Amino acid sequence: MASTEEKLLTLLLSVEHLQHTAMEQQKAVADSLAVARETLRGYRDISDGVAKQVRDEVRNEVQKLDVAGLIGERISQDFQRLEESVANMKANADALNRDIATIHSNIVQEYNTLKGYSWKWLGGVSVAFLVMFCVLGWGMKT
């Protein structure tokens, strides 16, 4: 029986040793899990910080792009208004050029008309003086 008692005692000691080892392993696993949790919290904090920084930078860039877009739209509108003004100025300049060409043409026509009349007028006046001179001179002789 002694051998059975020894075996049972050995078995009991082995069981206690296994229980003690299992408890130590559980503690080690629990400690490892606690360290892993803390590490994960640290990683999560870092990840959250990076995500916040990225969000802030993206938000700032989006705001810059929005401002740049608004400035671009305003510049585009200003250029459109400027192009319209230039087109209107060109149309007015073309109309003014046509008016000047018409006035020039009318002046040339008037000059040519007056030039023709002036020779006729000079000839007519000369003939009238001759006729009056002749009539007066004829009348004085008689």
N, C-alpha and C. Protein backbone atom coordinates (compact mmCIF):
# COMPACT_ATOMS: atom_id res chain seq x y z
N MET A 1 0.81 -1.19 0.00
CA MET A 1 0.00 0.00 0.00
C MET A 1 0.85 1.25 0.00
N ALA A 2 2.02 1.03 0.52
CA ALA A 2 2.89 2.17 0.58
C ALA A 2 3.19 2.69 -0.80
N SER A 3 3.29 1.80 -1.69
CA SER A 3 3.59 2.24 -3.04
C SER A 3 2.40 2.99 -3.63
N THR A 4 1.20 2.57 -3.30
CA THR A 4 0.02 3.28 -3.78
C THR A 4 -0.07 4.62 -3.10
N GLU A 5 0.24 4.65 -1.81
CA GLU A 5 0.20 5.94 -1.11
C GLU A 5 1.27 6.87 -1.66
N GLU A 6 2.43 6.30 -1.97
CA GLU A 6 3.49 7.13 -2.55
C GLU A 6 3.07 7.66 -3.91
N LYS A 7 2.45 6.75 -4.66
CA LYS A 7 1.99 7.16 -5.98
C LYS A 7 0.93 8.25 -5.87
N LEU A 8 0.02 8.09 -4.91
CA LEU A 8 -1.02 9.09 -4.71
C LEU A 8 -0.42 10.39 -4.21
N LEU A 9 0.53 10.28 -3.31
CA LEU A 9 1.19 11.47 -2.80
C LEU A 9 1.97 12.16 -3.92
N THR A 10 2.67 11.37 -4.73
CA THR A 10 3.40 11.92 -5.86
C THR A 10 2.42 12.57 -6.83
N LEU A 11 1.33 11.86 -7.05
CA LEU A 11 0.30 12.40 -7.96
C LEU A 11 -0.28 13.68 -7.40
N LEU A 12 -0.53 13.73 -6.09
CA LEU A 12 -1.06 14.93 -5.45
C LEU A 12 -0.05 16.07 -5.55
N LEU A 13 1.23 15.75 -5.32
CA LEU A 13 2.26 16.78 -5.46
C LEU A 13 2.36 17.26 -6.91
N SER A 14 2.24 16.33 -7.82
CA SER A 14 2.29 16.70 -9.25
C SER A 14 1.11 17.59 -9.61
N VAL A 15 -0.05 17.24 -9.06
CA VAL A 15 -1.25 18.04 -9.33
C VAL A 15 -1.07 19.43 -8.73
N GLU A 16 -0.57 19.49 -7.50
CA GLU A 16 -0.36 20.80 -6.87
C GLU A 16 0.67 21.60 -7.67
N HIS A 17 1.74 20.87 -8.10
CA HIS A 17 2.76 21.56 -8.89
C HIS A 17 2.16 22.06 -10.21
N LEU A 18 1.36 21.22 -10.84
CA LEU A 18 0.70 21.63 -12.10
C LEU A 18 -0.25 22.79 -11.86
N GLN A 19 -0.98 22.74 -10.72
CA GLN A 19 -1.89 23.85 -10.41
C GLN A 19 -1.09 25.12 -10.18
N HIS A 20 0.00 25.00 -9.44
CA HIS A 20 0.84 26.17 -9.17
C HIS A 20 1.43 26.70 -10.49
N THR A 21 1.92 25.79 -11.33
CA THR A 21 2.48 26.19 -12.63
C THR A 21 1.40 26.84 -13.50
N ALA A 22 0.20 26.24 -13.48
CA ALA A 22 -0.91 26.80 -14.27
C ALA A 22 -1.28 28.18 -13.77
N MET A 23 -1.27 28.37 -12.43
CA MET A 23 -1.59 29.68 -11.87
C MET A 23 -0.52 30.70 -12.25
N GLU A 24 0.75 30.25 -12.21
CA GLU A 24 1.82 31.16 -12.61
C GLU A 24 1.71 31.52 -14.09
N GLN A 25 1.37 30.50 -14.90
CA GLN A 25 1.19 30.77 -16.33
C GLN A 25 0.00 31.70 -16.56
N GLN A 26 -1.07 31.50 -15.78
CA GLN A 26 -2.23 32.40 -15.89
C GLN A 26 -1.84 33.81 -15.51
N LYS A 27 -1.03 33.94 -14.44
CA LYS A 27 -0.56 35.27 -14.03
C LYS A 27 0.31 35.87 -15.13
N ALA A 28 1.19 35.04 -15.69
CA ALA A 28 2.07 35.53 -16.75
C ALA A 28 1.24 35.96 -17.97
N VAL A 29 0.24 35.14 -18.30
CA VAL A 29 -0.64 35.49 -19.43
C VAL A 29 -1.41 36.75 -19.10
N ALA A 30 -1.91 36.86 -17.86
CA ALA A 30 -2.66 38.06 -17.46
C ALA A 30 -1.75 39.28 -17.51
N ASP A 31 -0.50 39.11 -17.04
CA ASP A 31 0.45 40.23 -17.11
C ASP A 31 0.75 40.59 -18.57
N SER A 32 0.93 39.56 -19.39
CA SER A 32 1.18 39.81 -20.82
C SER A 32 -0.01 40.52 -21.46
N LEU A 33 -1.22 40.08 -21.08
CA LEU A 33 -2.42 40.73 -21.61
C LEU A 33 -2.51 42.17 -21.14
N ALA A 34 -2.16 42.41 -19.87
CA ALA A 34 -2.20 43.78 -19.34
C ALA A 34 -1.19 44.65 -20.09
N VAL A 35 0.02 44.10 -20.30
CA VAL A 35 1.03 44.86 -21.05
C VAL A 35 0.55 45.09 -22.48
N ALA A 36 -0.04 44.05 -23.08
CA ALA A 36 -0.55 44.18 -24.45
C ALA A 36 -1.66 45.23 -24.51
N ARG A 37 -2.54 45.24 -23.48
CA ARG A 37 -3.61 46.25 -23.43
C ARG A 37 -3.01 47.64 -23.34
N GLU A 38 -2.03 47.81 -22.46
CA GLU A 38 -1.38 49.12 -22.33
C GLU A 38 -0.70 49.52 -23.63
N THR A 39 -0.04 48.54 -24.26
CA THR A 39 0.61 48.82 -25.54
C THR A 39 -0.43 49.21 -26.58
N LEU A 40 -1.54 48.46 -26.60
CA LEU A 40 -2.62 48.79 -27.55
C LEU A 40 -3.20 50.17 -27.26
N ARG A 41 -3.36 50.49 -25.97
CA ARG A 41 -3.84 51.83 -25.62
C ARG A 41 -2.88 52.89 -26.13
N GLY A 42 -1.58 52.63 -25.93
CA GLY A 42 -0.57 53.56 -26.43
C GLY A 42 -0.65 53.70 -27.94
N TYR A 43 -0.78 52.54 -28.62
CA TYR A 43 -0.91 52.59 -30.08
C TYR A 43 -2.18 53.31 -30.49
N ARG A 44 -3.27 53.04 -29.73
CA ARG A 44 -4.55 53.68 -30.05
C ARG A 44 -4.44 55.19 -29.85
N ASP A 45 -3.77 55.60 -28.75
CA ASP A 45 -3.58 57.03 -28.50
C ASP A 45 -2.75 57.66 -29.63
N ILE A 46 -1.68 56.95 -30.01
CA ILE A 46 -0.85 57.45 -31.12
C ILE A 46 -1.66 57.51 -32.40
N SER A 47 -2.42 56.43 -32.66
CA SER A 47 -3.25 56.39 -33.86
C SER A 47 -4.30 57.49 -33.85
N ASP A 48 -4.95 57.70 -32.70
CA ASP A 48 -5.94 58.77 -32.59
C ASP A 48 -5.29 60.13 -32.80
N GLY A 49 -4.09 60.31 -32.22
CA GLY A 49 -3.38 61.59 -32.40
C GLY A 49 -3.02 61.82 -33.86
N VAL A 50 -2.53 60.76 -34.51
CA VAL A 50 -2.17 60.89 -35.94
C VAL A 50 -3.43 61.15 -36.76
N ALA A 51 -4.51 60.42 -36.46
CA ALA A 51 -5.76 60.62 -37.20
C ALA A 51 -6.28 62.04 -37.00
N LYS A 52 -6.20 62.55 -35.77
CA LYS A 52 -6.65 63.92 -35.51
C LYS A 52 -5.79 64.92 -36.27
N GLN A 53 -4.47 64.69 -36.24
CA GLN A 53 -3.57 65.59 -36.96
C GLN A 53 -3.85 65.55 -38.46
N VAL A 54 -4.07 64.35 -39.00
CA VAL A 54 -4.37 64.22 -40.43
C VAL A 54 -5.69 64.91 -40.74
N ARG A 55 -6.71 64.70 -39.88
CA ARG A 55 -8.00 65.37 -40.09
C ARG A 55 -7.85 66.88 -40.08
N ASP A 56 -7.07 67.37 -39.09
CA ASP A 56 -6.86 68.82 -39.01
C ASP A 56 -6.14 69.34 -40.25
N GLU A 57 -5.10 68.62 -40.68
CA GLU A 57 -4.37 69.06 -41.87
C GLU A 57 -5.25 69.00 -43.11
N VAL A 58 -6.04 67.92 -43.22
CA VAL A 58 -6.95 67.81 -44.37
C VAL A 58 -7.98 68.94 -44.32
N ARG A 59 -8.52 69.20 -43.12
CA ARG A 59 -9.50 70.28 -42.98
C ARG A 59 -8.88 71.62 -43.38
N ASN A 60 -7.63 71.86 -42.91
CA ASN A 60 -6.95 73.11 -43.27
C ASN A 60 -6.71 73.20 -44.77
N GLU A 61 -6.29 72.08 -45.37
CA GLU A 61 -6.06 72.08 -46.82
C GLU A 61 -7.36 72.29 -47.58
N VAL A 62 -8.44 71.66 -47.09
CA VAL A 62 -9.74 71.84 -47.74
C VAL A 62 -10.17 73.30 -47.63
N GLN A 63 -9.94 73.90 -46.46
CA GLN A 63 -10.28 75.32 -46.31
C GLN A 63 -9.44 76.17 -47.24
N LYS A 64 -8.14 75.83 -47.35
CA LYS A 64 -7.28 76.58 -48.28
C LYS A 64 -7.78 76.40 -49.71
N LEU A 65 -8.16 75.16 -50.05
CA LEU A 65 -8.67 74.91 -51.39
C LEU A 65 -9.98 75.65 -51.62
N ASP A 66 -10.83 75.67 -50.57
CA ASP A 66 -12.08 76.42 -50.70
C ASP A 66 -11.80 77.90 -50.93
N VAL A 67 -10.87 78.45 -50.15
CA VAL A 67 -10.51 79.86 -50.32
C VAL A 67 -9.91 80.07 -51.70
N ALA A 68 -9.02 79.16 -52.10
CA ALA A 68 -8.41 79.28 -53.43
C ALA A 68 -9.48 79.15 -54.51
N GLY A 69 -10.44 78.26 -54.29
CA GLY A 69 -11.53 78.11 -55.26
C GLY A 69 -12.36 79.37 -55.36
N LEU A 70 -12.67 79.97 -54.20
CA LEU A 70 -13.44 81.22 -54.20
C LEU A 70 -12.66 82.33 -54.90
N ILE A 71 -11.36 82.41 -54.59
CA ILE A 71 -10.53 83.43 -55.25
C ILE A 71 -10.49 83.16 -56.75
N GLY A 72 -10.34 81.89 -57.12
CA GLY A 72 -10.33 81.53 -58.54
C GLY A 72 -11.64 81.89 -59.23
N GLU A 73 -12.76 81.63 -58.55
CA GLU A 73 -14.06 81.98 -59.12
C GLU A 73 -14.18 83.49 -59.29
N ARG A 74 -13.74 84.24 -58.28
CA ARG A 74 -13.81 85.71 -58.38
C ARG A 74 -12.93 86.21 -59.51
N ILE A 75 -11.72 85.66 -59.61
CA ILE A 75 -10.82 86.07 -60.69
C ILE A 75 -11.44 85.72 -62.03
N SER A 76 -12.03 84.54 -62.12
CA SER A 76 -12.68 84.12 -63.37
C SER A 76 -13.82 85.07 -63.72
N GLN A 77 -14.63 85.43 -62.71
CA GLN A 77 -15.72 86.37 -62.96
C GLN A 77 -15.18 87.73 -63.38
N ASP A 78 -14.11 88.17 -62.72
CA ASP A 78 -13.50 89.46 -63.09
C ASP A 78 -12.98 89.42 -64.52
N PHE A 79 -12.35 88.31 -64.91
CA PHE A 79 -11.86 88.19 -66.28
C PHE A 79 -13.01 88.16 -67.27
N GLN A 80 -14.11 87.50 -66.91
CA GLN A 80 -15.26 87.48 -67.81
C GLN A 80 -15.81 88.89 -67.98
N ARG A 81 -15.92 89.63 -66.86
CA ARG A 81 -16.39 91.01 -66.97
C ARG A 81 -15.42 91.85 -67.79
N LEU A 82 -14.13 91.62 -67.58
CA LEU A 82 -13.11 92.35 -68.33
C LEU A 82 -13.20 92.02 -69.82
N GLU A 83 -13.40 90.75 -70.14
CA GLU A 83 -13.55 90.36 -71.54
C GLU A 83 -14.79 91.00 -72.15
N GLU A 84 -15.88 91.05 -71.38
CA GLU A 84 -17.09 91.70 -71.88
C GLU A 84 -16.84 93.19 -72.10
N SER A 85 -16.14 93.82 -71.16
CA SER A 85 -15.83 95.25 -71.30
C SER A 85 -14.95 95.48 -72.52
N VAL A 86 -13.96 94.62 -72.71
CA VAL A 86 -13.08 94.76 -73.88
C VAL A 86 -13.87 94.55 -75.16
N ALA A 87 -14.78 93.58 -75.16
CA ALA A 87 -15.61 93.35 -76.35
C ALA A 87 -16.49 94.57 -76.62
N ASN A 88 -17.06 95.16 -75.56
CA ASN A 88 -17.88 96.37 -75.74
C ASN A 88 -17.03 97.52 -76.24
N MET A 89 -15.82 97.67 -75.68
CA MET A 89 -14.93 98.75 -76.13
C MET A 89 -14.56 98.55 -77.60
N LYS A 90 -14.31 97.30 -77.99
CA LYS A 90 -13.96 97.01 -79.38
C LYS A 90 -15.14 97.34 -80.29
N ALA A 91 -16.34 96.96 -79.86
CA ALA A 91 -17.53 97.26 -80.66
C ALA A 91 -17.71 98.77 -80.79
N ASN A 92 -17.52 99.49 -79.66
CA ASN A 92 -17.63 100.95 -79.70
C ASN A 92 -16.55 101.56 -80.58
N ALA A 93 -15.33 101.02 -80.50
CA ALA A 93 -14.24 101.54 -81.34
C ALA A 93 -14.53 101.28 -82.81
N ASP A 94 -15.07 100.09 -83.12
CA ASP A 94 -15.43 99.79 -84.51
C ASP A 94 -16.52 100.74 -85.00
N ALA A 95 -17.53 100.98 -84.16
CA ALA A 95 -18.61 101.91 -84.54
C ALA A 95 -18.04 103.31 -84.72
N LEU A 96 -17.16 103.74 -83.83
CA LEU A 96 -16.53 105.05 -83.95
C LEU A 96 -15.68 105.13 -85.21
N ASN A 97 -14.97 104.07 -85.53
CA ASN A 97 -14.17 104.03 -86.74
C ASN A 97 -15.05 104.14 -87.98
N ARG A 98 -16.19 103.45 -87.97
CA ARG A 98 -17.13 103.56 -89.10
C ARG A 98 -17.67 104.99 -89.21
N ASP A 99 -18.00 105.59 -88.04
CA ASP A 99 -18.49 106.97 -88.06
C ASP A 99 -17.42 107.92 -88.60
N ILE A 100 -16.17 107.72 -88.18
CA ILE A 100 -15.08 108.58 -88.66
C ILE A 100 -14.89 108.39 -90.16
N ALA A 101 -14.98 107.14 -90.63
CA ALA A 101 -14.84 106.88 -92.07
C ALA A 101 -15.97 107.55 -92.84
N THR A 102 -17.19 107.49 -92.28
CA THR A 102 -18.33 108.14 -92.94
C THR A 102 -18.14 109.64 -92.97
N ILE A 103 -17.70 110.23 -91.85
CA ILE A 103 -17.46 111.68 -91.80
C ILE A 103 -16.37 112.06 -92.80
N HIS A 104 -15.30 111.28 -92.87
CA HIS A 104 -14.21 111.55 -93.81
C HIS A 104 -14.73 111.51 -95.24
N SER A 105 -15.52 110.48 -95.53
CA SER A 105 -16.09 110.35 -96.88
C SER A 105 -16.98 111.54 -97.20
N ASN A 106 -17.81 111.95 -96.22
CA ASN A 106 -18.69 113.11 -96.44
C ASN A 106 -17.88 114.39 -96.64
N ILE A 107 -16.79 114.55 -95.89
CA ILE A 107 -15.95 115.75 -96.05
C ILE A 107 -15.32 115.76 -97.43
N VAL A 108 -14.83 114.60 -97.88
CA VAL A 108 -14.22 114.52 -99.22
C VAL A 108 -15.26 114.84 -100.28
N GLN A 109 -16.47 114.29 -100.14
CA GLN A 109 -17.53 114.58 -101.11
C GLN A 109 -17.86 116.07 -101.11
N GLU A 110 -17.98 116.64 -99.91
CA GLU A 110 -18.31 118.06 -99.81
C GLU A 110 -17.21 118.91 -100.43
N TYR A 111 -15.95 118.53 -100.16
CA TYR A 111 -14.82 119.28 -100.74
C TYR A 111 -14.87 119.20 -102.27
N ASN A 112 -15.09 118.01 -102.78
CA ASN A 112 -15.15 117.86 -104.24
C ASN A 112 -16.32 118.64 -104.83
N THR A 113 -17.45 118.62 -104.10
CA THR A 113 -18.60 119.39 -104.58
C THR A 113 -18.29 120.87 -104.56
N LEU A 114 -17.74 121.36 -103.44
CA LEU A 114 -17.41 122.79 -103.34
C LEU A 114 -16.32 123.17 -104.33
N LYS A 115 -15.38 122.29 -104.55
CA LYS A 115 -14.31 122.57 -105.51
C LYS A 115 -14.90 122.77 -106.90
N GLY A 116 -15.84 121.89 -107.25
CA GLY A 116 -16.50 122.04 -108.56
C GLY A 116 -17.32 123.32 -108.61
N TYR A 117 -18.03 123.63 -107.52
CA TYR A 117 -18.83 124.85 -107.49
C TYR A 117 -17.96 126.09 -107.48
N SER A 118 -16.82 126.02 -106.82
CA SER A 118 -15.99 127.22 -106.74
C SER A 118 -15.49 127.63 -108.12
N TRP A 119 -15.12 126.70 -108.95
CA TRP A 119 -14.70 127.06 -110.32
C TRP A 119 -15.88 127.62 -111.10
N LYS A 120 -17.04 126.97 -110.91
CA LYS A 120 -18.23 127.47 -111.61
C LYS A 120 -18.61 128.84 -111.08
N TRP A 121 -18.51 128.99 -109.75
CA TRP A 121 -18.87 130.26 -109.14
C TRP A 121 -17.90 131.35 -109.59
N LEU A 122 -16.60 131.03 -109.59
CA LEU A 122 -15.61 132.00 -110.04
C LEU A 122 -15.85 132.37 -111.51
N GLY A 123 -16.14 131.37 -112.30
CA GLY A 123 -16.44 131.65 -113.72
C GLY A 123 -17.70 132.49 -113.86
N GLY A 124 -18.73 132.16 -113.08
CA GLY A 124 -19.99 132.91 -113.13
C GLY A 124 -19.80 134.34 -112.69
N VAL A 125 -19.06 134.54 -111.61
CA VAL A 125 -18.82 135.89 -111.11
C VAL A 125 -18.00 136.68 -112.13
N SER A 126 -17.02 136.02 -112.72
CA SER A 126 -16.20 136.70 -113.74
C SER A 126 -17.05 137.11 -114.92
N VAL A 127 -17.91 136.23 -115.36
CA VAL A 127 -18.79 136.56 -116.49
C VAL A 127 -19.72 137.69 -116.09
N ALA A 128 -20.24 137.66 -114.86
CA ALA A 128 -21.14 138.72 -114.41
C ALA A 128 -20.42 140.06 -114.37
N PHE A 129 -19.15 140.08 -113.90
CA PHE A 129 -18.38 141.33 -113.91
C PHE A 129 -18.14 141.82 -115.33
N LEU A 130 -17.82 140.92 -116.19
CA LEU A 130 -17.59 141.30 -117.59
C LEU A 130 -18.86 141.87 -118.20
N VAL A 131 -19.95 141.19 -117.91
CA VAL A 131 -21.22 141.68 -118.46
C VAL A 131 -21.53 143.03 -117.87
N MET A 132 -21.37 143.20 -116.56
CA MET A 132 -21.66 144.49 -115.95
C MET A 132 -20.68 145.56 -116.45
N PHE A 133 -19.42 145.19 -116.60
CA PHE A 133 -18.44 146.14 -117.10
C PHE A 133 -18.78 146.57 -118.53
N CYS A 134 -19.17 145.55 -119.27
CA CYS A 134 -19.53 145.87 -120.66
C CYS A 134 -20.78 146.73 -120.70
N VAL A 135 -21.76 146.36 -119.91
CA VAL A 135 -23.01 147.11 -119.92
C VAL A 135 -22.76 148.50 -119.37
N LEU A 136 -22.06 148.62 -118.29
CA LEU A 136 -21.78 149.94 -117.72
C LEU A 136 -20.85 150.73 -118.64
N GLY A 137 -19.85 150.00 -119.15
CA GLY A 137 -18.93 150.68 -120.06
C GLY A 137 -19.64 151.08 -121.35
N TRP A 138 -20.53 150.34 -121.83
CA TRP A 138 -21.31 150.63 -123.04
C TRP A 138 -22.25 151.76 -122.76
N GLY A 139 -22.78 151.72 -121.55
CA GLY A 139 -23.72 152.77 -121.18
C GLY A 139 -23.00 154.08 -120.95
N MET A 140 -21.78 154.10 -120.58
CA MET A 140 -21.03 155.32 -120.34
C MET A 140 -20.60 155.94 -121.65
N LYS A 141 -20.37 155.12 -122.64
CA LYS A 141 -19.96 155.63 -123.93
C LYS A 141 -21.13 156.31 -124.61
N THR A 142 -22.21 155.89 -124.43
CA THR A 142 -23.33 156.48 -125.14
C THR A 142 -23.94 157.59 -124.43
